[in-house]
């Protein structure tokens, strides 16, 4: 009993001593391991760090606002560039559609039957534009007329489909060619008996003259190098306009001025 009382008393003594030590810290020259003389320095350092943090926060906020402003300006510039209508480049304007020149005193000749031009199986054919005279075959078995051409190149002009091609100069053994440009009228599928696969050809409108008759009609552009005649006149020209006399050739005569233009090489 006496030993337990001494032990409890010892514990109380130790606790009281510790409490006195803690309390004595407030009155001693140290406070929580910091010299009292240094407390002001610590407080000043803390205040300085707080001020530095505030300044860094403000600078970060300013930089963020600046970046946001720059991003908005960049976005606005991009939107303006997208909304700006860029003018589409256009090809040079096409030349005026060629027309057969006005004949001189000699207007040519063509016999007519019931108002229709009488032609033979072969006729002289004047092509307006390059002013070339070909020998054309008249064939009622062909639906669409055809013109010998090479270097057929399609292109776009002001939203329309055009074609650039070359036609031979008659009498030059196809050593001389003349370039032409025409708007594409349509495309046709040609099935030849000598070929297994069909061929798609470009169709253009050409102005021409046979005798004293002038007309605008559709012609397919095709390679006719292996054929006798460079021009074929089909039913689209003959229909309601011409009659064929199968026993004749060169039943019509072109105006002398047309022949002179073609012979002299005066090309438009």
C-alpha atoms as a PDB file:
ATOM      1  CA  UNK A   1       0.000   0.000   0.000  1.00  0.00           C
ATOM      2  CA  UNK A   2       2.766   2.387   0.878  1.00  0.00           C
ATOM      3  CA  UNK A   3       4.714   1.537  -2.329  1.00  0.00           C
ATOM      4  CA  UNK A   4       1.701   2.173  -4.578  1.00  0.00           C
ATOM      5  CA  UNK A   5       1.198   5.549  -2.941  1.00  0.00           C
ATOM      6  CA  UNK A   6       4.826   6.453  -3.547  1.00  0.00           C
ATOM      7  CA  UNK A   7       4.570   5.440  -7.229  1.00  0.00           C
ATOM      8  CA  UNK A   8       1.478   7.587  -7.821  1.00  0.00           C
ATOM      9  CA  UNK A   9       3.104  10.419  -6.078  1.00  0.00           C
ATOM     10  CA  UNK A  10       6.165  10.050  -8.295  1.00  0.00           C
ATOM     11  CA  UNK A  11       3.974  10.157 -11.448  1.00  0.00           C
ATOM     12  CA  UNK A  12       2.257  13.305 -10.273  1.00  0.00           C
ATOM     13  CA  UNK A  13       5.602  14.847  -9.529  1.00  0.00           C
ATOM     14  CA  UNK A  14       6.889  14.079 -13.066  1.00  0.00           C
ATOM     15  CA  UNK A  15       3.713  15.429 -14.693  1.00  0.00           C
ATOM     16  CA  UNK A  16       3.874  18.598 -12.634  1.00  0.00           C
ATOM     17  CA  UNK A  17       7.520  19.032 -13.513  1.00  0.00           C
ATOM     18  CA  UNK A  18       6.772  18.640 -17.294  1.00  0.00           C
ATOM     19  CA  UNK A  19       3.944  21.127 -17.117  1.00  0.00           C
ATOM     20  CA  UNK A  20       6.168  23.559 -15.311  1.00  0.00           C
ATOM     21  CA  UNK A  21       8.793  23.091 -18.029  1.00  0.00           C
ATOM     22  CA  UNK A  22       6.287  23.832 -20.792  1.00  0.00           C
ATOM     23  CA  UNK A  23       4.956  26.855 -18.989  1.00  0.00           C
ATOM     24  CA  UNK A  24       8.425  28.017 -18.264  1.00  0.00           C
ATOM     25  CA  UNK A  25       9.059  28.051 -22.009  1.00  0.00           C
ATOM     26  CA  UNK A  26       6.845  31.094 -22.369  1.00  0.00           C
ATOM     27  CA  UNK A  27       8.933  32.990 -19.937  1.00  0.00           C
ATOM     28  CA  UNK A  28      12.317  31.623 -20.923  1.00  0.00           C
ATOM     29  CA  UNK A  29      14.444  32.927 -23.770  1.00  0.00           C
ATOM     30  CA  UNK A  30      13.202  30.192 -26.241  1.00  0.00           C
ATOM     31  CA  UNK A  31       9.751  29.561 -27.682  1.00  0.00           C
ATOM     32  CA  UNK A  32       9.137  26.189 -29.339  1.00  0.00           C
ATOM     33  CA  UNK A  33      12.778  25.756 -30.300  1.00  0.00           C
ATOM     34  CA  UNK A  34      13.008  29.328 -31.641  1.00  0.00           C
ATOM     35  CA  UNK A  35      14.864  32.066 -29.882  1.00  0.00           C
ATOM     36  CA  UNK A  36      12.527  34.836 -28.860  1.00  0.00           C
ATOM     37  CA  UNK A  37      14.900  37.309 -30.367  1.00  0.00           C
ATOM     38  CA  UNK A  38      14.410  35.610 -33.747  1.00  0.00           C
ATOM     39  CA  UNK A  39      10.596  35.624 -33.726  1.00  0.00           C
ATOM     40  CA  UNK A  40      10.396  38.984 -35.421  1.00  0.00           C
ATOM     41  CA  UNK A  41      12.704  37.767 -38.167  1.00  0.00           C
ATOM     42  CA  UNK A  42      10.553  34.681 -38.630  1.00  0.00           C
ATOM     43  CA  UNK A  43       7.403  36.793 -38.801  1.00  0.00           C
ATOM     44  CA  UNK A  44       9.068  39.126 -41.321  1.00  0.00           C
ATOM     45  CA  UNK A  45      10.173  36.146 -43.414  1.00  0.00           C
ATOM     46  CA  UNK A  46       6.651  34.698 -43.387  1.00  0.00           C
ATOM     47  CA  UNK A  47       5.183  38.040 -44.422  1.00  0.00           C
ATOM     48  CA  UNK A  48       7.754  38.337 -47.209  1.00  0.00           C
ATOM     49  CA  UNK A  49       6.925  34.854 -48.481  1.00  0.00           C
ATOM     50  CA  UNK A  50       3.211  35.642 -48.390  1.00  0.00           C
ATOM     51  CA  UNK A  51       3.845  38.830 -50.378  1.00  0.00           C
ATOM     52  CA  UNK A  52       5.954  36.857 -52.872  1.00  0.00           C
ATOM     53  CA  UNK A  53       3.173  34.272 -53.283  1.00  0.00           C
ATOM     54  CA  UNK A  54       0.592  37.007 -53.817  1.00  0.00           C
ATOM     55  CA  UNK A  55       2.830  38.650 -56.428  1.00  0.00           C
ATOM     56  CA  UNK A  56       3.389  35.315 -58.221  1.00  0.00           C
ATOM     57  CA  UNK A  57      -0.338  34.656 -58.208  1.00  0.00           C
ATOM     58  CA  UNK A  58      -1.040  38.091 -59.671  1.00  0.00           C
ATOM     59  CA  UNK A  59       1.641  37.650 -62.337  1.00  0.00           C
ATOM     60  CA  UNK A  60       0.231  34.221 -63.257  1.00  0.00           C
ATOM     61  CA  UNK A  61      -3.236  35.735 -63.530  1.00  0.00           C
ATOM     62  CA  UNK A  62      -1.918  38.500 -65.797  1.00  0.00           C
ATOM     63  CA  UNK A  63      -0.101  35.988 -68.008  1.00  0.00           C
ATOM     64  CA  UNK A  64      -3.208  33.819 -68.226  1.00  0.00           C
ATOM     65  CA  UNK A  65      -5.353  36.755 -69.268  1.00  0.00           C
ATOM     66  CA  UNK A  66      -2.735  37.746 -71.847  1.00  0.00           C
ATOM     67  CA  UNK A  67      -2.652  34.227 -73.292  1.00  0.00           C
ATOM     68  CA  UNK A  68      -6.433  34.101 -73.421  1.00  0.00           C
ATOM     69  CA  UNK A  69      -6.468  37.430 -75.260  1.00  0.00           C
ATOM     70  CA  UNK A  70      -3.883  36.208 -77.747  1.00  0.00           C
ATOM     71  CA  UNK A  71      -5.832  32.994 -78.329  1.00  0.00           C
ATOM     72  CA  UNK A  72      -9.008  34.991 -78.935  1.00  0.00           C
ATOM     73  CA  UNK A  73      -7.194  37.202 -81.435  1.00  0.00           C
ATOM     74  CA  UNK A  74      -5.758  34.161 -83.219  1.00  0.00           C
ATOM     75  CA  UNK A  75      -9.159  32.495 -83.315  1.00  0.00           C
ATOM     76  CA  UNK A  76     -10.745  35.659 -84.695  1.00  0.00           C
ATOM     77  CA  UNK A  77      -8.065  35.906 -87.384  1.00  0.00           C
ATOM     78  CA  UNK A  78      -8.678  32.301 -88.423  1.00  0.00           C
ATOM     79  CA  UNK A  79     -12.446  32.816 -88.519  1.00  0.00           C
ATOM     80  CA  UNK A  80     -12.033  35.929 -90.647  1.00  0.00           C
ATOM     81  CA  UNK A  81      -9.741  34.036 -93.020  1.00  0.00           C
ATOM     82  CA  UNK A  82     -12.294  31.241 -93.305  1.00  0.00           C
ATOM     83  CA  UNK A  83     -15.166  33.631 -93.886  1.00  0.00           C
ATOM     84  CA  UNK A  84     -13.232  35.630 -96.472  1.00  0.00           C
ATOM     85  CA  UNK A  85     -14.340  34.622 -99.937  1.00  0.00           C
ATOM     86  CA  UNK A  86     -11.270  33.869-102.044  1.00  0.00           C
ATOM     87  CA  UNK A  87     -11.893  34.719-105.669  1.00  0.00           C
ATOM     88  CA  UNK A  88     -11.757  31.604-107.785  1.00  0.00           C
ATOM     89  CA  UNK A  89      -9.154  31.807-110.546  1.00  0.00           C
ATOM     90  CA  UNK A  90     -10.758  31.893-113.955  1.00  0.00           C
ATOM     91  CA  UNK A  91      -9.507  31.024-117.374  1.00  0.00           C
ATOM     92  CA  UNK A  92      -9.127  33.728-119.998  1.00  0.00           C
ATOM     93  CA  UNK A  93     -12.482  34.513-121.630  1.00  0.00           C
ATOM     94  CA  UNK A  94     -13.171  32.370-124.668  1.00  0.00           C
ATOM     95  CA  UNK A  95     -12.937  33.829-128.095  1.00  0.00           C
ATOM     96  CA  UNK A  96     -16.120  34.652-129.917  1.00  0.00           C
ATOM     97  CA  UNK A  97     -17.677  31.629-131.568  1.00  0.00           C
ATOM     98  CA  UNK A  98     -16.242  31.336-135.084  1.00  0.00           C
ATOM     99  CA  UNK A  99     -18.624  31.907-137.932  1.00  0.00           C
ATOM    100  CA  UNK A 100     -18.296  31.291-141.614  1.00  0.00           C
ATOM    101  CA  UNK A 101     -17.123  34.538-143.248  1.00  0.00           C
ATOM    102  CA  UNK A 102     -19.437  36.341-145.599  1.00  0.00           C
ATOM    103  CA  UNK A 103     -18.739  35.073-149.125  1.00  0.00           C
ATOM    104  CA  UNK A 104     -17.789  37.499-151.870  1.00  0.00           C
ATOM    105  CA  UNK A 105     -19.546  37.725-155.191  1.00  0.00           C
ATOM    106  CA  UNK A 106     -19.151  33.987-155.636  1.00  0.00           C
ATOM    107  CA  UNK A 107     -21.487  32.599-152.978  1.00  0.00           C
ATOM    108  CA  UNK A 108     -20.894  28.985-153.916  1.00  0.00           C
ATOM    109  CA  UNK A 109     -23.370  26.562-155.344  1.00  0.00           C
ATOM    110  CA  UNK A 110     -25.736  23.870-154.109  1.00  0.00           C
ATOM    111  CA  UNK A 111     -28.687  22.370-155.921  1.00  0.00           C
ATOM    112  CA  UNK A 112     -31.847  22.015-153.892  1.00  0.00           C
ATOM    113  CA  UNK A 113     -34.803  19.697-154.064  1.00  0.00           C
ATOM    114  CA  UNK A 114     -37.879  20.693-152.095  1.00  0.00           C
ATOM    115  CA  UNK A 115     -35.760  23.117-150.125  1.00  0.00           C
ATOM    116  CA  UNK A 116     -33.095  20.544-149.206  1.00  0.00           C
ATOM    117  CA  UNK A 117     -29.469  20.672-150.331  1.00  0.00           C
ATOM    118  CA  UNK A 118     -28.538  17.873-152.728  1.00  0.00           C
ATOM    119  CA  UNK A 119     -25.144  16.376-151.856  1.00  0.00           C
ATOM    120  CA  UNK A 120     -23.112  13.499-153.215  1.00  0.00           C
ATOM    121  CA  UNK A 121     -21.262  10.785-151.360  1.00  0.00           C
ATOM    122  CA  UNK A 122     -18.233  13.080-151.020  1.00  0.00           C
ATOM    123  CA  UNK A 123     -18.272  16.874-150.606  1.00  0.00           C
ATOM    124  CA  UNK A 124     -15.943  19.759-149.846  1.00  0.00           C
ATOM    125  CA  UNK A 125     -16.354  20.846-146.233  1.00  0.00           C
ATOM    126  CA  UNK A 126     -15.325  24.303-144.913  1.00  0.00           C
ATOM    127  CA  UNK A 127     -14.575  24.452-141.162  1.00  0.00           C
ATOM    128  CA  UNK A 128     -15.123  27.922-139.684  1.00  0.00           C
ATOM    129  CA  UNK A 129     -12.538  29.180-137.212  1.00  0.00           C
ATOM    130  CA  UNK A 130      -9.308  27.798-138.635  1.00  0.00           C
ATOM    131  CA  UNK A 131     -10.784  28.269-142.162  1.00  0.00           C
ATOM    132  CA  UNK A 132      -9.803  24.830-143.413  1.00  0.00           C
ATOM    133  CA  UNK A 133     -11.325  22.905-146.313  1.00  0.00           C
ATOM    134  CA  UNK A 134     -11.602  19.134-145.979  1.00  0.00           C
ATOM    135  CA  UNK A 135     -13.027  16.395-148.127  1.00  0.00           C
ATOM    136  CA  UNK A 136     -15.926  14.945-146.174  1.00  0.00           C
ATOM    137  CA  UNK A 137     -17.685  11.640-146.579  1.00  0.00           C
ATOM    138  CA  UNK A 138     -21.489  11.768-146.469  1.00  0.00           C
ATOM    139  CA  UNK A 139     -22.813   8.743-144.597  1.00  0.00           C
ATOM    140  CA  UNK A 140     -26.484   8.333-143.734  1.00  0.00           C
ATOM    141  CA  UNK A 141     -25.598   5.246-141.694  1.00  0.00           C
ATOM    142  CA  UNK A 142     -23.814   7.299-139.040  1.00  0.00           C
ATOM    143  CA  UNK A 143     -25.959   8.978-136.414  1.00  0.00           C
ATOM    144  CA  UNK A 144     -23.491  11.722-135.402  1.00  0.00           C
ATOM    145  CA  UNK A 145     -20.941  13.525-137.551  1.00  0.00           C
ATOM    146  CA  UNK A 146     -17.263  13.109-136.693  1.00  0.00           C
ATOM    147  CA  UNK A 147     -14.093  15.213-136.930  1.00  0.00           C
ATOM    148  CA  UNK A 148     -10.514  13.975-136.912  1.00  0.00           C
ATOM    149  CA  UNK A 149      -8.682  15.378-133.876  1.00  0.00           C
ATOM    150  CA  UNK A 150      -5.735  14.669-131.611  1.00  0.00           C
ATOM    151  CA  UNK A 151      -4.379  15.886-128.232  1.00  0.00           C
ATOM    152  CA  UNK A 152      -7.902  16.075-126.844  1.00  0.00           C
ATOM    153  CA  UNK A 153      -7.618  17.679-123.402  1.00  0.00           C
ATOM    154  CA  UNK A 154     -10.571  18.508-121.177  1.00  0.00           C
ATOM    155  CA  UNK A 155     -10.531  21.501-118.847  1.00  0.00           C
ATOM    156  CA  UNK A 156     -12.901  23.728-116.882  1.00  0.00           C
ATOM    157  CA  UNK A 157     -13.671  27.336-117.754  1.00  0.00           C
ATOM    158  CA  UNK A 158     -15.994  29.428-115.565  1.00  0.00           C
ATOM    159  CA  UNK A 159     -17.744  26.324-114.259  1.00  0.00           C
ATOM    160  CA  UNK A 160     -18.299  24.780-117.715  1.00  0.00           C
ATOM    161  CA  UNK A 161     -16.565  21.791-119.297  1.00  0.00           C
ATOM    162  CA  UNK A 162     -14.382  22.661-122.279  1.00  0.00           C
ATOM    163  CA  UNK A 163     -12.011  20.763-124.513  1.00  0.00           C
ATOM    164  CA  UNK A 164      -8.812  21.769-126.287  1.00  0.00           C
ATOM    165  CA  UNK A 165      -7.867  19.779-129.388  1.00  0.00           C
ATOM    166  CA  UNK A 166      -5.958  19.918-132.658  1.00  0.00           C
ATOM    167  CA  UNK A 167      -7.245  19.378-136.183  1.00  0.00           C
ATOM    168  CA  UNK A 168      -4.991  18.598-139.149  1.00  0.00           C
ATOM    169  CA  UNK A 169      -4.239  21.028-141.957  1.00  0.00           C
ATOM    170  CA  UNK A 170      -5.502  19.401-145.174  1.00  0.00           C
ATOM    171  CA  UNK A 171      -2.817  18.507-147.686  1.00  0.00           C
ATOM    172  CA  UNK A 172      -0.007  18.511-145.105  1.00  0.00           C
ATOM    173  CA  UNK A 173      -0.050  14.733-144.583  1.00  0.00           C
ATOM    174  CA  UNK A 174      -0.966  15.488-140.961  1.00  0.00           C
ATOM    175  CA  UNK A 175       2.361  17.180-140.333  1.00  0.00           C
ATOM    176  CA  UNK A 176       0.648  20.499-139.515  1.00  0.00           C
ATOM    177  CA  UNK A 177      -2.093  20.942-136.949  1.00  0.00           C
ATOM    178  CA  UNK A 178      -4.264  23.803-135.729  1.00  0.00           C
ATOM    179  CA  UNK A 179      -5.426  24.153-132.116  1.00  0.00           C
ATOM    180  CA  UNK A 180      -9.077  24.807-131.259  1.00  0.00           C
ATOM    181  CA  UNK A 181     -11.100  25.209-128.038  1.00  0.00           C
ATOM    182  CA  UNK A 182     -14.772  24.369-127.701  1.00  0.00           C
ATOM    183  CA  UNK A 183     -17.311  23.932-124.937  1.00  0.00           C
ATOM    184  CA  UNK A 184     -18.334  20.299-124.531  1.00  0.00           C
ATOM    185  CA  UNK A 185     -21.922  19.691-125.617  1.00  0.00           C
ATOM    186  CA  UNK A 186     -22.140  16.125-124.353  1.00  0.00           C
ATOM    187  CA  UNK A 187     -20.392  12.762-124.389  1.00  0.00           C
ATOM    188  CA  UNK A 188     -21.403   9.708-126.373  1.00  0.00           C
ATOM    189  CA  UNK A 189     -20.581   6.027-126.112  1.00  0.00           C
ATOM    190  CA  UNK A 190     -19.362   4.523-129.379  1.00  0.00           C
ATOM    191  CA  UNK A 191     -19.382   0.752-129.931  1.00  0.00           C
ATOM    192  CA  UNK A 192     -17.365  -0.305-132.951  1.00  0.00           C
ATOM    193  CA  UNK A 193     -17.685  -3.695-134.549  1.00  0.00           C
ATOM    194  CA  UNK A 194     -13.887  -4.066-134.672  1.00  0.00           C
ATOM    195  CA  UNK A 195     -13.466  -3.431-130.921  1.00  0.00           C
ATOM    196  CA  UNK A 196     -14.708  -5.377-127.912  1.00  0.00           C
ATOM    197  CA  UNK A 197     -14.995  -2.375-125.598  1.00  0.00           C
ATOM    198  CA  UNK A 198     -17.002   0.814-126.056  1.00  0.00           C
ATOM    199  CA  UNK A 199     -15.344   4.225-126.379  1.00  0.00           C
ATOM    200  CA  UNK A 200     -16.584   7.504-124.918  1.00  0.00           C
ATOM    201  CA  UNK A 201     -16.092  10.518-127.146  1.00  0.00           C
ATOM    202  CA  UNK A 202     -16.449  14.232-126.614  1.00  0.00           C
ATOM    203  CA  UNK A 203     -19.058  16.059-128.683  1.00  0.00           C
ATOM    204  CA  UNK A 204     -18.661  19.726-129.655  1.00  0.00           C
ATOM    205  CA  UNK A 205     -20.526  22.120-131.905  1.00  0.00           C
ATOM    206  CA  UNK A 206     -18.762  23.252-135.088  1.00  0.00           C
ATOM    207  CA  UNK A 207     -19.839  25.741-137.706  1.00  0.00           C
ATOM    208  CA  UNK A 208     -19.217  24.695-141.271  1.00  0.00           C
ATOM    209  CA  UNK A 209     -20.293  25.213-144.850  1.00  0.00           C
ATOM    210  CA  UNK A 210     -21.078  22.816-147.687  1.00  0.00           C
ATOM    211  CA  UNK A 211     -21.667  24.631-150.939  1.00  0.00           C
ATOM    212  CA  UNK A 212     -23.602  27.791-150.150  1.00  0.00           C
ATOM    213  CA  UNK A 213     -25.180  26.149-147.086  1.00  0.00           C
ATOM    214  CA  UNK A 214     -23.951  27.122-143.607  1.00  0.00           C
ATOM    215  CA  UNK A 215     -24.825  25.204-140.473  1.00  0.00           C
ATOM    216  CA  UNK A 216     -23.874  24.566-136.839  1.00  0.00           C
ATOM    217  CA  UNK A 217     -23.973  20.924-135.779  1.00  0.00           C
ATOM    218  CA  UNK A 218     -22.520  18.487-133.260  1.00  0.00           C
ATOM    219  CA  UNK A 219     -19.364  16.540-134.097  1.00  0.00           C
ATOM    220  CA  UNK A 220     -17.619  13.836-132.119  1.00  0.00           C
ATOM    221  CA  UNK A 221     -13.852  14.251-131.810  1.00  0.00           C
ATOM    222  CA  UNK A 222     -12.142  11.033-132.822  1.00  0.00           C
ATOM    223  CA  UNK A 223      -8.907   9.640-134.199  1.00  0.00           C
ATOM    224  CA  UNK A 224      -9.623   9.056-137.888  1.00  0.00           C
ATOM    225  CA  UNK A 225      -5.980   8.687-138.949  1.00  0.00           C
ATOM    226  CA  UNK A 226      -6.641   5.194-140.314  1.00  0.00           C
ATOM    227  CA  UNK A 227      -9.703   6.313-142.274  1.00  0.00           C
ATOM    228  CA  UNK A 228      -9.803   7.804-145.739  1.00  0.00           C
ATOM    229  CA  UNK A 229     -11.692  10.976-144.846  1.00  0.00           C
ATOM    230  CA  UNK A 230     -10.974  13.320-141.970  1.00  0.00           C
ATOM    231  CA  UNK A 231     -14.598  14.453-141.721  1.00  0.00           C
ATOM    232  CA  UNK A 232     -17.737  12.339-141.616  1.00  0.00           C
ATOM    233  CA  UNK A 233     -21.188  13.880-142.111  1.00  0.00           C
ATOM    234  CA  UNK A 234     -23.904  11.866-140.367  1.00  0.00           C
ATOM    235  CA  UNK A 235     -27.658  11.966-139.975  1.00  0.00           C
ATOM    236  CA  UNK A 236     -27.610  14.767-137.383  1.00  0.00           C
ATOM    237  CA  UNK A 237     -26.519  17.108-140.219  1.00  0.00           C
ATOM    238  CA  UNK A 238     -28.477  15.493-143.035  1.00  0.00           C
ATOM    239  CA  UNK A 239     -31.803  15.271-141.237  1.00  0.00           C
ATOM    240  CA  UNK A 240     -34.367  17.690-142.746  1.00  0.00           C
ATOM    241  CA  UNK A 241     -31.547  19.647-144.420  1.00  0.00           C
ATOM    242  CA  UNK A 242     -29.842  17.531-147.100  1.00  0.00           C
ATOM    243  CA  UNK A 243     -30.583  14.785-149.571  1.00  0.00           C
ATOM    244  CA  UNK A 244     -27.932  12.336-150.812  1.00  0.00           C
ATOM    245  CA  UNK A 245     -27.538  11.562-154.483  1.00  0.00           C
ATOM    246  CA  UNK A 246     -25.524   8.352-154.255  1.00  0.00           C
ATOM    247  CA  UNK A 247     -24.512   8.578-157.916  1.00  0.00           C
ATOM    248  CA  UNK A 248     -22.675  11.877-157.471  1.00  0.00           C
ATOM    249  CA  UNK A 249     -19.549  13.280-155.840  1.00  0.00           C
ATOM    250  CA  UNK A 250     -18.846  16.964-155.196  1.00  0.00           C
ATOM    251  CA  UNK A 251     -22.371  17.972-156.096  1.00  0.00           C
ATOM    252  CA  UNK A 252     -21.788  21.324-154.354  1.00  0.00           C
ATOM    253  CA  UNK A 253     -19.180  24.077-154.715  1.00  0.00           C
ATOM    254  CA  UNK A 254     -17.780  26.235-151.934  1.00  0.00           C
ATOM    255  CA  UNK A 255     -17.340  29.996-152.442  1.00  0.00           C
ATOM    256  CA  UNK A 256     -13.980  30.881-154.005  1.00  0.00           C
ATOM    257  CA  UNK A 257     -13.152  33.075-151.009  1.00  0.00           C
ATOM    258  CA  UNK A 258     -13.352  30.028-148.728  1.00  0.00           C
ATOM    259  CA  UNK A 259     -11.003  28.058-150.947  1.00  0.00           C
ATOM    260  CA  UNK A 260      -8.577  30.975-151.148  1.00  0.00           C
ATOM    261  CA  UNK A 261      -8.480  31.357-147.361  1.00  0.00           C
ATOM    262  CA  UNK A 262      -7.715  27.696-146.904  1.00  0.00           C
ATOM    263  CA  UNK A 263      -5.072  27.607-149.665  1.00  0.00           C
ATOM    264  CA  UNK A 264      -3.324  30.819-148.593  1.00  0.00           C
ATOM    265  CA  UNK A 265      -3.121  29.663-144.983  1.00  0.00           C
ATOM    266  CA  UNK A 266      -5.071  32.695-143.722  1.00  0.00           C
ATOM    267  CA  UNK A 267      -6.256  31.172-140.420  1.00  0.00           C
ATOM    268  CA  UNK A 268      -8.452  32.990-137.934  1.00  0.00           C
END
